[in-house]
Amino acid sequence: MTEEVARRAPGASGSRAPAHRVVAARLLRELPPAALREVAGVTDWAGPVDLPLVDERTVQAGCGIAHVHGRAAGAPRPLAVEYAATVAGVLTAQGVCAALLARRRGLALRRVTTSVAQAALLSLTQYLAAATAPDGRAEEHPPGSATLVSADGVPVEIETLAPDAWRAFWRRLGVPAALAGRGWAPFQRRFATGVCPLPEPLRSAARAVPLAGLAEAAALAGLSLVALADDPDPAGLPAPLRLRRAPAHGAAPLPPAGGPLPLAGLRVVEATNRVQGPLAGHVLRLLGAEVLRIEPPGGDPMRGLPPLSGDCSARFAALNAGKSAVEADLSTEAGRRTATELAAGADVFLHNWPPGRAERLGLDAPDLWRARPELVYAAASGFGDAFGHDSPPIGTDYLAQAHAGLAAALRPADEPPTPSLMTLTDVLGGVLSAHGVVAALLRRATTGRGARVDSSLLSAAALVPRPAGRAVWTPLDLPLRTADGWLALPARAAADRLPELARISGALTHSAGTVAARFAARPSEAWRAALAEAGIPAVPVATDLAALPGHPAFHAALAPAPPGGHARPRTPWTFS
């Protein structure tokens, strides 16, 4: 299967293979057939979630993705790509590699199971933690997206992590500093909250300037800016992973398994921040690895991000609980020596630094291989080397979605291309980086040699299957407003079951819009029961993440919040 076919194969483009199968096959295709016969990887839609989840649409609705993605619009909205199934495909490949690795370390594993629903819940880890933290429900924000529109009608995205650059950009557009400052907080926190209610005068100022003027203002202020195109599948996107072997310095096989989990007895040292890198370490810890974080003096500043769970940020704890930490100033020789010494005693060194930083610090793969030749060195960045070294964009989720075409792919054709304010590529990038680590450890178990694994937010975004053209939806493809909530139908319901839907709803015509409007007349459960009698599975749309851990359907998939703590997804694999 070619790269192009593999990326376009799943259901979003009309073929019969769901994304989780195609993505898993793509990531496992370099393994010899004999190895793949050793372990069975099994993935279904619902897994332990006791709801009629039968496809991507119902998983997104029932597990909360539609809710988080839809916050910016003020109502639940599905993603028009098979995102949860893509995450599940990576988890499937990762589970197979982990089981094979465990077999080579003495564990008799032959089967690994996961599900698209568990992948969806894993992707919502930090949102679930925030919602179930003791003061999480206080986080209520009005809707709004961060997309700006130029005077010539071009939607654009801007990105910066520096408040001075933010103020400089708006000053060049004639916005007073005090007014620009009112927009900084919602912009800075947009991925945590899922919304970006910018003051209207900022949007108006952008609409008064053509694209060329906005680009010039961004360049002078030091912001990244990208114009959003309608193309959901741009050319030139990178392969998901790049794996290179370390120089041969004699074989150093992995030690026997140190427990029942595949990575038990292995040590990971991570120097990461934000979401992508910490999530990669979190996934490796779920597989049994011991994970040690290197944090700056005073600790990671994300530890104080509200809402709090005890004395720590719930979002931070969701991705870093169970890890140990040491503080080291990597700008100093002593700090770099500490990092090198820690790597010398580890099996994996993981970071998500911008390209070039590892070399400047003297902590690149060749540097650490001198201390530990069999080390697996994992570098997870924003864009890798896709833009070379000439002022690459700021390596954040938002810009990765824009450059990868996801901003267009995840919206239907009648909506302007706009990135989601859910951390899509951060999560997928973290899971993909962790898969690369496990695949490299499996190679080490065979060859005794270390490796370098490169991935990026852009390469993760490129892994999401999408059609050649943007999706076309009817009103029945959106969550249906009922008398007491929202209900979601499977993706093919509008095309395959419209006459039955018209009959059940009492609509006088076979118009999707008329049928959809009829659902407001009765409660969700009444409609769900009537649809089930006709063999049409319908799922209540989750619109309150805080309520999910207490819902009987999620008992086996979510661990409830302990006193003063937050809820979390249970591990997404079962090994046997």
Protein backbone atom coordinates (compact mmCIF):
# COMPACT_ATOMS: atom_id res chain seq x y z
CA MET A 1 0.00 0.00 0.00
CA THR A 2 1.49 3.34 -0.97
CA GLU A 3 1.79 6.27 1.44
CA GLU A 4 -0.92 8.16 -0.48
CA VAL A 5 -3.39 5.28 -0.58
CA ALA A 6 -2.75 4.43 3.05
CA ARG A 7 -3.55 7.95 4.14
CA ARG A 8 -6.73 8.22 2.09
CA ALA A 9 -8.00 4.70 2.51
CA PRO A 10 -10.44 4.78 5.48
CA GLY A 11 -14.11 5.56 5.62
CA ALA A 12 -13.80 9.36 5.35
CA SER A 13 -12.96 8.83 1.67
CA GLY A 14 -15.67 6.29 1.07
CA SER A 15 -13.76 2.99 1.37
CA ARG A 16 -14.82 0.20 3.68
CA ALA A 17 -11.70 -0.06 5.86
CA PRO A 18 -12.02 1.94 9.11
CA ALA A 19 -9.13 4.19 10.01
CA HIS A 20 -7.96 2.15 12.98
CA ARG A 21 -7.24 -0.86 10.76
CA VAL A 22 -5.50 1.11 8.03
CA VAL A 23 -3.40 3.18 10.47
CA ALA A 24 -2.36 0.12 12.48
CA ALA A 25 -1.42 -1.76 9.30
CA ARG A 26 0.60 1.21 8.09
CA LEU A 27 2.58 1.48 11.33
CA LEU A 28 3.19 -2.28 11.52
CA ARG A 29 4.05 -2.95 7.89
CA GLU A 30 7.82 -3.05 8.49
CA LEU A 31 7.50 -5.95 10.93
CA PRO A 32 8.08 -9.39 9.41
CA PRO A 33 4.93 -11.48 8.88
CA ALA A 34 6.22 -14.11 11.30
CA ALA A 35 6.32 -11.52 14.10
CA LEU A 36 2.79 -10.34 13.37
CA ARG A 37 1.56 -13.92 13.66
CA GLU A 38 2.87 -14.07 17.23
CA VAL A 39 0.43 -11.47 18.61
CA ALA A 40 -3.19 -10.73 17.72
CA GLY A 41 -4.21 -7.06 17.85
CA VAL A 42 -7.96 -6.65 18.27
CA THR A 43 -9.75 -3.28 18.06
CA ASP A 44 -13.47 -2.62 18.15
CA TRP A 45 -15.58 0.52 18.45
CA ALA A 46 -17.03 0.48 21.97
CA GLY A 47 -14.67 -1.70 24.01
CA PRO A 48 -15.68 -1.49 27.68
CA VAL A 49 -18.02 1.48 27.11
CA ASP A 50 -21.59 0.17 27.36
CA LEU A 51 -23.14 2.29 24.62
CA PRO A 52 -24.17 1.43 21.03
CA LEU A 53 -21.00 2.90 19.53
CA VAL A 54 -20.82 1.62 15.95
CA ASP A 55 -18.66 4.13 14.09
CA GLU A 56 -16.52 7.24 14.45
CA ARG A 57 -19.54 9.54 14.63
CA THR A 58 -21.18 7.75 17.54
CA VAL A 59 -17.86 7.39 19.40
CA GLN A 60 -17.16 11.11 19.11
CA ALA A 61 -20.67 11.91 20.35
CA GLY A 62 -20.91 9.42 23.18
CA CYS A 63 -17.40 9.91 24.59
CA GLY A 64 -17.21 13.72 24.59
CA ILE A 65 -15.10 14.67 21.55
CA ALA A 66 -18.06 16.33 19.84
CA HIS A 67 -18.67 18.34 23.01
CA VAL A 68 -15.09 19.60 23.41
CA HIS A 69 -14.65 20.31 19.71
CA GLY A 70 -18.02 22.05 19.63
CA ARG A 71 -17.35 24.38 22.56
CA ALA A 72 -16.07 27.10 20.23
CA ALA A 73 -19.35 26.96 18.27
CA GLY A 74 -21.55 26.79 21.38
CA ALA A 75 -23.00 23.35 20.55
CA PRO A 76 -21.60 19.84 20.08
CA ARG A 77 -20.05 19.26 16.65
CA PRO A 78 -18.35 16.15 15.26
CA LEU A 79 -15.00 16.22 13.56
CA ALA A 80 -15.32 15.37 9.87
CA VAL A 81 -12.31 13.02 10.08
CA GLU A 82 -11.80 9.66 11.75
CA TYR A 83 -9.73 11.12 14.54
CA ALA A 84 -10.57 8.73 17.38
CA ALA A 85 -10.10 5.75 15.07
CA THR A 86 -6.69 7.13 14.04
CA VAL A 87 -5.62 7.34 17.70
CA ALA A 88 -6.96 3.80 18.14
CA GLY A 89 -4.91 2.61 15.17
CA VAL A 90 -1.73 3.96 16.77
CA LEU A 91 -2.68 2.34 20.10
CA THR A 92 -3.29 -0.97 18.31
CA ALA A 93 0.11 -0.90 16.59
CA GLN A 94 1.73 0.19 19.84
CA GLY A 95 0.06 -2.61 21.77
CA VAL A 96 1.19 -5.23 19.25
CA CYS A 97 4.79 -3.96 19.37
CA ALA A 98 4.65 -3.84 23.18
CA ALA A 99 3.40 -7.43 23.35
CA LEU A 100 6.12 -8.58 20.94
CA LEU A 101 8.69 -6.74 23.07
CA ALA A 102 7.30 -8.41 26.19
CA ARG A 103 7.59 -11.83 24.54
CA ARG A 104 11.26 -11.19 23.85
CA ARG A 105 11.66 -10.27 27.53
CA GLY A 106 10.03 -13.45 28.79
CA LEU A 107 6.31 -12.64 29.05
CA ALA A 108 3.97 -15.05 27.25
CA LEU A 109 1.61 -12.49 25.71
CA ARG A 110 -0.35 -13.38 22.57
CA ARG A 111 -3.19 -10.88 22.38
CA VAL A 112 -3.81 -7.17 22.90
CA THR A 113 -7.20 -5.47 22.73
CA THR A 114 -8.23 -1.84 22.61
CA SER A 115 -11.09 0.22 21.19
CA VAL A 116 -11.89 3.46 19.44
CA ALA A 117 -13.90 4.56 22.48
CA GLN A 118 -10.89 4.10 24.76
CA ALA A 119 -8.78 6.06 22.28
CA ALA A 120 -11.36 8.86 22.37
CA LEU A 121 -11.30 8.96 26.17
CA LEU A 122 -7.50 8.97 26.20
CA SER A 123 -7.56 11.96 23.85
CA LEU A 124 -9.72 13.80 26.38
CA THR A 125 -7.48 13.03 29.38
CA GLN A 126 -6.65 16.62 30.30
CA TYR A 127 -10.20 17.88 29.65
CA LEU A 128 -11.67 15.13 31.80
CA ALA A 129 -9.21 15.95 34.57
CA ALA A 130 -10.09 19.65 34.46
CA ALA A 131 -13.83 18.96 34.45
CA THR A 132 -13.68 16.59 37.41
CA ALA A 133 -11.20 18.56 39.54
CA PRO A 134 -12.74 20.05 42.71
CA ASP A 135 -13.10 23.50 41.14
CA GLY A 136 -13.38 22.32 37.54
CA ARG A 137 -17.04 23.17 37.07
CA ALA A 138 -16.22 26.82 37.64
CA GLU A 139 -14.53 26.84 34.23
CA GLU A 140 -17.37 28.19 32.08
CA HIS A 141 -16.45 30.30 29.06
CA PRO A 142 -18.44 31.86 26.20
CA PRO A 143 -17.93 30.35 22.72
CA GLY A 144 -15.62 31.74 20.07
CA SER A 145 -12.80 30.62 17.79
CA ALA A 146 -9.33 32.09 17.28
CA THR A 147 -9.64 32.30 13.48
CA LEU A 148 -9.35 35.79 11.99
CA VAL A 149 -10.54 36.91 8.57
CA SER A 150 -8.66 39.40 6.42
CA ALA A 151 -10.17 42.27 4.43
CA ASP A 152 -9.97 40.12 1.30
CA GLY A 153 -11.95 37.33 2.98
CA VAL A 154 -9.09 34.93 3.75
CA PRO A 155 -9.32 33.06 7.07
CA VAL A 156 -5.98 33.12 8.91
CA GLU A 157 -4.48 31.77 12.09
CA ILE A 158 -1.83 33.48 14.18
CA GLU A 159 0.33 31.93 16.84
CA THR A 160 2.70 33.22 19.49
CA LEU A 161 3.75 32.23 22.97
CA ALA A 162 5.04 35.74 23.77
CA PRO A 163 2.72 38.49 25.08
CA ASP A 164 5.06 41.19 23.74
CA ALA A 165 4.74 39.80 20.21
CA TRP A 166 0.96 39.64 20.66
CA ARG A 167 0.79 43.31 21.63
CA ALA A 168 3.17 44.32 18.83
CA PHE A 169 1.01 42.60 16.22
CA TRP A 170 -2.20 44.32 17.32
CA ARG A 171 -0.43 47.66 17.71
CA ARG A 172 0.49 47.46 14.02
CA LEU A 173 -3.22 46.94 13.31
CA GLY A 174 -4.09 50.06 15.32
CA VAL A 175 -5.42 48.30 18.42
CA PRO A 176 -4.56 49.97 21.76
CA ALA A 177 -2.39 47.90 24.09
CA ALA A 178 -5.06 47.69 26.80
CA LEU A 179 -7.62 46.30 24.37
CA ALA A 180 -5.12 43.87 22.85
CA GLY A 181 -4.29 42.73 26.36
CA ARG A 182 -7.92 41.70 26.92
CA GLY A 183 -7.54 39.17 24.13
CA TRP A 184 -4.30 37.63 25.38
CA ALA A 185 -5.74 35.51 28.20
CA PRO A 186 -8.43 33.74 26.12
CA PHE A 187 -5.93 33.28 23.27
CA GLN A 188 -3.28 31.84 25.55
CA ARG A 189 -5.71 29.42 27.21
CA ARG A 190 -7.73 28.44 24.14
CA PHE A 191 -6.51 24.83 24.04
CA ALA A 192 -7.20 24.34 27.74
CA THR A 193 -10.72 25.73 27.54
CA GLY A 194 -11.67 24.80 23.96
CA VAL A 195 -12.85 28.36 23.24
CA CYS A 196 -11.29 31.68 22.27
CA PRO A 197 -13.76 34.56 22.86
CA LEU A 198 -11.60 37.37 21.46
CA PRO A 199 -12.93 40.91 21.86
CA GLU A 200 -14.84 41.91 18.72
CA PRO A 201 -12.66 45.01 18.11
CA LEU A 202 -9.70 42.69 17.51
CA ARG A 203 -11.60 40.73 14.88
CA SER A 204 -12.77 43.99 13.32
CA ALA A 205 -9.22 45.30 13.17
CA ALA A 206 -8.11 42.16 11.33
CA ARG A 207 -11.04 42.44 8.88
CA ALA A 208 -9.85 45.92 7.94
CA VAL A 209 -6.43 44.70 6.72
CA PRO A 210 -5.76 42.57 3.60
CA LEU A 211 -3.87 39.31 3.89
CA ALA A 212 -0.58 40.84 2.77
CA GLY A 213 -0.85 43.48 5.49
CA LEU A 214 -1.61 40.90 8.19
CA ALA A 215 1.33 38.80 7.07
CA GLU A 216 3.64 41.82 7.19
CA ALA A 217 2.41 42.81 10.66
CA ALA A 218 2.93 39.25 11.90
CA ALA A 219 6.44 39.05 10.48
CA LEU A 220 7.44 42.37 12.04
CA ALA A 221 5.95 41.40 15.40
CA GLY A 222 7.53 37.94 15.42
CA LEU A 223 4.26 35.98 15.15
CA SER A 224 3.58 32.96 12.95
CA LEU A 225 0.68 33.43 10.54
CA VAL A 226 -0.84 30.98 8.07
CA ALA A 227 -3.65 31.51 5.59
CA LEU A 228 -6.14 28.63 5.66
CA ALA A 229 -6.81 26.83 2.38
CA ASP A 230 -9.74 24.64 1.35
CA ASP A 231 -7.42 21.73 0.47
CA PRO A 232 -7.86 19.00 3.12
CA ASP A 233 -4.97 16.93 1.79
CA PRO A 234 -1.98 19.09 0.83
CA ALA A 235 1.01 17.50 -0.85
CA GLY A 236 4.36 17.03 0.80
CA LEU A 237 3.25 15.96 4.27
CA PRO A 238 5.88 13.90 6.13
CA ALA A 239 5.81 10.22 7.04
CA PRO A 240 4.61 9.57 10.61
CA LEU A 241 7.97 8.43 12.02
CA ARG A 242 11.62 8.45 11.06
CA LEU A 243 13.70 5.79 12.80
CA ARG A 244 17.48 5.63 12.49
CA ARG A 245 19.75 3.09 14.14
CA ALA A 246 22.54 4.12 16.44
CA PRO A 247 26.08 3.25 15.39
CA ALA A 248 27.01 -0.33 16.22
CA HIS A 249 28.92 -0.57 19.51
CA GLY A 250 28.29 -4.20 20.35
CA ALA A 251 24.98 -5.80 21.27
CA ALA A 252 23.20 -4.73 24.45
CA PRO A 253 19.91 -6.64 24.71
CA LEU A 254 17.09 -5.51 26.93
CA PRO A 255 16.80 -7.00 30.41
CA PRO A 256 14.11 -9.57 31.23
CA ALA A 257 10.67 -8.23 32.07
CA GLY A 258 10.45 -6.72 35.52
CA GLY A 259 6.71 -7.22 35.96
CA PRO A 260 3.49 -8.14 34.14
CA LEU A 261 3.38 -5.05 31.89
CA PRO A 262 5.36 -5.01 28.63
CA LEU A 263 7.74 -2.16 29.55
CA ALA A 264 8.20 -3.09 33.23
CA GLY A 265 11.83 -2.76 34.26
CA LEU A 266 12.66 -0.17 31.58
CA ARG A 267 13.47 3.45 32.39
CA VAL A 268 12.46 6.56 30.48
CA VAL A 269 13.98 9.99 31.09
CA GLU A 270 11.90 12.82 29.63
CA ALA A 271 12.65 16.51 29.22
CA THR A 272 9.26 17.66 27.97
CA ASN A 273 6.60 20.32 28.41
CA ARG A 274 3.01 21.16 27.54
CA VAL A 275 1.04 18.16 26.11
CA GLN A 276 2.79 16.25 23.31
CA GLY A 277 5.92 15.17 25.20
CA PRO A 278 4.33 14.55 28.63
CA LEU A 279 1.59 12.47 27.00
CA ALA A 280 4.20 10.32 25.27
CA GLY A 281 5.82 9.67 28.64
CA HIS A 282 2.40 9.03 30.18
CA VAL A 283 1.60 6.37 27.59
CA LEU A 284 4.96 4.67 28.14
CA ARG A 285 4.26 4.67 31.89
CA LEU A 286 0.88 3.04 31.27
CA LEU A 287 2.80 0.29 29.47
CA GLY A 288 4.87 -0.27 32.61
CA ALA A 289 7.97 1.92 32.16
CA GLU A 290 9.48 3.91 35.02
CA VAL A 291 9.44 7.57 33.90
CA LEU A 292 11.64 10.32 35.31
CA ARG A 293 11.03 13.95 34.35
CA ILE A 294 13.72 16.61 34.09
CA GLU A 295 12.12 19.92 35.06
CA PRO A 296 13.57 23.44 35.33
CA PRO A 297 14.52 24.88 38.72
CA GLY A 298 11.33 25.51 40.66
CA GLY A 299 9.47 22.81 38.71
CA ASP A 300 7.42 22.85 35.53
CA PRO A 301 5.36 26.08 35.49
CA MET A 302 2.39 24.08 34.20
CA ARG A 303 2.07 22.58 37.70
CA GLY A 304 0.23 25.71 38.81
CA LEU A 305 -2.27 25.91 35.92
CA PRO A 306 -5.85 25.90 37.25
CA PRO A 307 -8.04 24.09 38.00
CA LEU A 308 -6.13 22.39 40.77
CA SER A 309 -6.34 18.80 41.95
CA GLY A 310 -4.91 19.00 45.45
CA ASP A 311 -1.92 21.30 45.21
CA CYS A 312 -1.18 20.57 41.53
CA SER A 313 -2.79 21.44 38.22
CA ALA A 314 -5.33 18.79 37.24
CA ARG A 315 -4.24 19.02 33.62
CA PHE A 316 -0.58 18.60 34.55
CA ALA A 317 -1.31 15.72 36.92
CA ALA A 318 -3.39 13.97 34.27
CA LEU A 319 -0.32 13.62 32.05
CA ASN A 320 2.41 13.31 34.68
CA ALA A 321 1.02 11.43 37.67
CA GLY A 322 3.17 8.48 38.63
CA LYS A 323 6.36 10.00 37.23
CA SER A 324 9.27 11.04 39.41
CA ALA A 325 11.05 14.35 38.78
CA VAL A 326 14.41 16.03 39.23
CA GLU A 327 15.21 19.69 38.67
CA ALA A 328 18.09 20.72 36.44
CA ASP A 329 18.94 23.95 34.66
CA LEU A 330 19.88 22.74 31.19
CA SER A 331 21.31 26.15 30.32
CA THR A 332 24.20 25.36 32.69
CA GLU A 333 27.00 22.84 32.37
CA ALA A 334 25.97 21.23 35.65
CA GLY A 335 22.38 20.80 34.44
CA ARG A 336 23.46 19.27 31.15
CA ARG A 337 25.80 16.92 33.00
CA THR A 338 22.85 15.82 35.16
CA ALA A 339 20.77 15.09 32.04
CA THR A 340 23.61 13.09 30.48
CA GLU A 341 24.13 11.06 33.65
CA LEU A 342 20.41 10.29 33.86
CA ALA A 343 20.34 9.23 30.19
CA ALA A 344 23.34 6.97 30.80
CA GLY A 345 21.20 4.95 33.21
CA ALA A 346 18.06 4.92 31.05
CA ASP A 347 16.66 2.94 28.15
CA VAL A 348 14.86 5.92 26.58
CA PHE A 349 15.52 9.65 26.45
CA LEU A 350 12.49 11.65 25.30
CA HIS A 351 12.14 15.35 24.55
CA ASN A 352 9.88 17.68 22.57
CA TRP A 353 12.33 20.55 22.08
CA PRO A 354 12.27 22.71 18.96
CA PRO A 355 14.69 21.58 16.23
CA GLY A 356 18.25 22.67 16.96
CA ARG A 357 17.94 22.98 20.73
CA ALA A 358 19.31 19.52 21.49
CA GLU A 359 22.41 20.23 19.41
CA ARG A 360 22.96 23.58 21.13
CA LEU A 361 22.66 21.93 24.54
CA GLY A 362 24.98 19.07 23.66
CA LEU A 363 22.14 16.63 24.35
CA ASP A 364 21.53 15.33 20.83
CA ALA A 365 21.45 11.62 20.06
CA PRO A 366 25.18 11.27 19.23
CA ASP A 367 26.03 13.07 22.48
CA LEU A 368 23.98 10.69 24.60
CA TRP A 369 24.96 7.58 22.64
CA ARG A 370 28.51 8.17 23.81
CA ALA A 371 27.21 7.67 27.35
CA ARG A 372 24.66 4.96 26.49
CA PRO A 373 25.12 3.38 23.00
CA GLU A 374 21.92 1.31 23.21
CA LEU A 375 19.74 4.30 24.19
CA VAL A 376 16.48 4.91 22.31
CA TYR A 377 16.46 8.66 21.67
CA ALA A 378 13.01 10.09 20.87
CA ALA A 379 12.63 13.64 19.54
CA ALA A 380 9.05 14.91 19.23
CA SER A 381 8.79 18.40 17.73
CA GLY A 382 6.22 20.67 16.11
CA PHE A 383 7.29 20.51 12.47
CA GLY A 384 10.50 18.48 12.42
CA ASP A 385 12.62 19.58 9.50
CA ALA A 386 9.65 20.19 7.18
CA PHE A 387 10.48 23.92 6.99
CA GLY A 388 14.25 23.56 7.23
CA HIS A 389 16.05 25.98 9.51
CA ASP A 390 14.72 29.20 7.95
CA SER A 391 12.24 30.54 10.51
CA PRO A 392 9.90 27.53 10.85
CA PRO A 393 6.43 28.21 12.29
CA ILE A 394 5.96 28.05 16.04
CA GLY A 395 5.56 24.36 16.78
CA THR A 396 2.06 24.27 18.24
CA ASP A 397 -1.02 22.14 17.70
CA TYR A 398 -2.97 24.96 16.11
CA LEU A 399 -0.47 25.66 13.33
CA ALA A 400 0.13 21.96 12.74
CA GLN A 401 -3.59 21.53 12.02
CA ALA A 402 -3.48 24.45 9.62
CA HIS A 403 -0.36 23.38 7.71
CA ALA A 404 -1.46 19.73 7.51
CA GLY A 405 -4.87 20.53 5.98
CA LEU A 406 -6.76 19.32 9.05
CA ALA A 407 -8.32 22.76 9.44
CA ALA A 408 -10.15 22.06 6.17
CA ALA A 409 -10.55 18.30 6.57
CA LEU A 410 -12.25 18.38 9.96
CA ARG A 411 -14.96 20.85 8.83
CA PRO A 412 -17.74 20.18 6.32
CA ALA A 413 -17.56 21.92 2.95
CA ASP A 414 -20.11 24.61 3.86
CA GLU A 415 -17.95 25.89 6.75
CA PRO A 416 -14.71 27.87 6.46
CA PRO A 417 -11.57 25.88 7.27
CA THR A 418 -10.80 26.37 10.96
CA PRO A 419 -8.56 24.34 13.30
CA SER A 420 -10.17 22.69 16.27
CA LEU A 421 -9.45 24.12 19.71
CA MET A 422 -9.21 20.57 21.01
CA THR A 423 -5.58 19.40 21.22
CA LEU A 424 -5.83 17.01 18.29
CA THR A 425 -2.24 16.87 17.08
CA ASP A 426 -0.74 17.27 20.56
CA VAL A 427 -2.51 14.09 21.67
CA LEU A 428 -1.97 12.16 18.46
CA GLY A 429 1.64 13.37 18.35
CA GLY A 430 2.26 12.15 21.88
CA VAL A 431 0.76 8.73 21.21
CA LEU A 432 2.71 8.47 17.94
CA SER A 433 6.00 9.38 19.63
CA ALA A 434 5.38 6.72 22.28
CA HIS A 435 4.69 4.17 19.54
CA GLY A 436 7.99 5.07 17.90
CA VAL A 437 9.75 4.45 21.22
CA VAL A 438 8.15 1.01 21.62
CA ALA A 439 8.96 0.10 18.01
CA ALA A 440 12.59 1.16 18.56
CA LEU A 441 12.79 -0.85 21.81
CA LEU A 442 11.48 -3.87 19.91
CA ARG A 443 14.29 -3.43 17.39
CA ARG A 444 16.77 -3.13 20.21
CA ALA A 445 15.46 -6.37 21.69
CA THR A 446 16.38 -8.02 18.38
CA THR A 447 19.58 -6.19 17.42
CA GLY A 448 20.93 -4.85 20.72
CA ARG A 449 21.33 -1.42 19.11
CA GLY A 450 19.83 1.91 20.08
CA ALA A 451 17.98 4.20 17.70
CA ARG A 452 16.75 7.72 17.15
CA VAL A 453 13.01 8.22 16.58
CA ASP A 454 11.76 11.52 15.15
CA SER A 455 8.13 12.55 15.02
CA SER A 456 6.25 15.83 14.98
CA LEU A 457 2.83 17.37 15.34
CA LEU A 458 2.83 17.78 11.56
CA SER A 459 3.67 14.13 10.93
CA ALA A 460 0.96 13.10 13.40
CA ALA A 461 -1.59 15.30 11.63
CA ALA A 462 -0.56 13.74 8.32
CA LEU A 463 -1.48 10.33 9.70
CA VAL A 464 -5.18 11.25 9.98
CA PRO A 465 -6.99 9.86 6.91
CA ARG A 466 -8.98 12.40 4.96
CA PRO A 467 -10.79 12.57 1.61
CA ALA A 468 -9.48 14.35 -1.46
CA GLY A 469 -12.38 16.81 -1.07
CA ARG A 470 -14.13 18.19 1.98
CA ALA A 471 -17.08 16.36 3.55
CA VAL A 472 -20.67 17.26 2.64
CA TRP A 473 -23.13 16.98 5.51
CA THR A 474 -26.87 17.15 5.93
CA PRO A 475 -28.59 18.30 9.16
CA LEU A 476 -28.80 14.64 10.19
CA ASP A 477 -25.01 14.44 10.28
CA LEU A 478 -24.95 16.95 13.14
CA PRO A 479 -26.08 16.23 16.70
CA LEU A 480 -29.88 16.44 16.83
CA ARG A 481 -31.42 18.78 19.39
CA THR A 482 -34.02 16.94 21.44
CA ALA A 483 -36.36 18.18 24.12
CA ASP A 484 -33.79 17.51 26.83
CA GLY A 485 -30.39 17.19 25.15
CA TRP A 486 -28.69 15.99 21.99
CA LEU A 487 -28.73 12.72 20.07
CA ALA A 488 -26.29 11.49 17.41
CA LEU A 489 -26.97 9.08 14.57
CA PRO A 490 -24.40 6.90 12.81
CA ALA A 491 -22.66 8.53 9.87
CA ARG A 492 -24.55 6.62 7.15
CA ALA A 493 -28.01 7.09 8.66
CA ALA A 494 -28.93 10.11 6.52
CA ALA A 495 -27.91 8.35 3.31
CA ASP A 496 -29.17 4.83 4.04
CA ARG A 497 -32.14 5.19 6.40
CA LEU A 498 -33.81 8.50 5.55
CA PRO A 499 -37.30 7.05 4.79
CA GLU A 500 -37.32 5.21 8.13
CA LEU A 501 -36.09 8.30 9.96
CA ALA A 502 -38.90 10.32 8.38
CA ARG A 503 -41.46 7.72 9.44
CA ILE A 504 -40.17 7.48 13.02
CA SER A 505 -39.96 11.25 13.44
CA GLY A 506 -43.37 11.90 11.89
CA ALA A 507 -41.91 14.17 9.20
CA LEU A 508 -44.20 14.74 6.21
CA THR A 509 -41.32 14.82 3.72
CA HIS A 510 -38.05 12.98 3.25
CA SER A 511 -36.08 16.13 3.87
CA ALA A 512 -33.10 15.78 6.18
CA GLY A 513 -33.71 19.25 7.57
CA THR A 514 -37.38 18.54 8.29
CA VAL A 515 -36.57 15.23 9.95
CA ALA A 516 -33.85 16.79 12.09
CA ALA A 517 -36.20 19.54 13.28
CA ARG A 518 -38.75 16.99 14.46
CA PHE A 519 -36.38 15.64 17.14
CA ALA A 520 -36.89 18.74 19.28
CA ALA A 521 -40.40 17.52 20.13
CA ARG A 522 -39.45 14.58 22.40
CA PRO A 523 -36.76 13.66 24.94
CA SER A 524 -33.62 11.84 23.85
CA GLU A 525 -34.51 8.54 25.51
CA ALA A 526 -37.88 8.34 23.73
CA TRP A 527 -36.21 8.86 20.36
CA ARG A 528 -33.41 6.44 21.19
CA ALA A 529 -35.86 3.68 22.04
CA ALA A 530 -37.92 4.26 18.87
CA LEU A 531 -34.79 4.26 16.71
CA ALA A 532 -33.47 1.11 18.40
CA GLU A 533 -36.70 -0.72 17.50
CA ALA A 534 -35.97 0.11 13.86
CA GLY A 535 -32.39 -1.10 14.17
CA ILE A 536 -30.87 2.38 14.09
CA PRO A 537 -28.38 2.88 16.95
CA ALA A 538 -28.50 6.39 18.38
CA VAL A 539 -26.25 7.74 21.11
CA PRO A 540 -26.90 10.54 23.62
CA VAL A 541 -24.28 13.22 23.09
CA ALA A 542 -22.04 13.68 26.13
CA THR A 543 -22.11 17.38 27.02
CA ASP A 544 -20.85 17.19 30.62
CA LEU A 545 -17.47 15.53 31.02
CA ALA A 546 -17.78 15.73 34.80
CA ALA A 547 -20.75 13.36 34.65
CA LEU A 548 -19.06 10.64 32.58
CA PRO A 549 -17.14 8.86 35.39
CA GLY A 550 -20.38 8.37 37.32
CA HIS A 551 -22.30 7.06 34.30
CA PRO A 552 -22.74 3.26 34.44
CA ALA A 553 -21.76 2.94 30.78
CA PHE A 554 -18.27 4.25 31.54
CA HIS A 555 -17.59 2.32 34.74
CA ALA A 556 -15.05 -0.01 33.11
CA ALA A 557 -13.39 2.72 31.04
CA LEU A 558 -12.96 5.60 33.49
CA ALA A 559 -11.51 5.67 37.00
CA PRO A 560 -13.64 8.01 39.17
CA ALA A 561 -12.18 11.00 40.95
CA PRO A 562 -10.81 10.22 44.42
CA PRO A 563 -11.52 12.76 47.20
CA GLY A 564 -9.88 16.03 46.20
CA GLY A 565 -8.66 14.53 42.91
CA HIS A 566 -9.79 14.08 39.33
CA ALA A 567 -11.04 11.29 37.09
CA ARG A 568 -8.87 9.59 34.50
CA PRO A 569 -9.22 7.08 31.66
CA ARG A 570 -8.20 3.57 32.54
CA THR A 571 -5.35 2.05 30.54
CA PRO A 572 -6.52 1.59 26.94
CA TRP A 573 -5.07 -1.92 26.39
CA THR A 574 -5.75 -5.37 27.74
CA PHE A 575 -2.85 -7.82 27.32
CA SER A 576 -3.29 -11.55 27.58
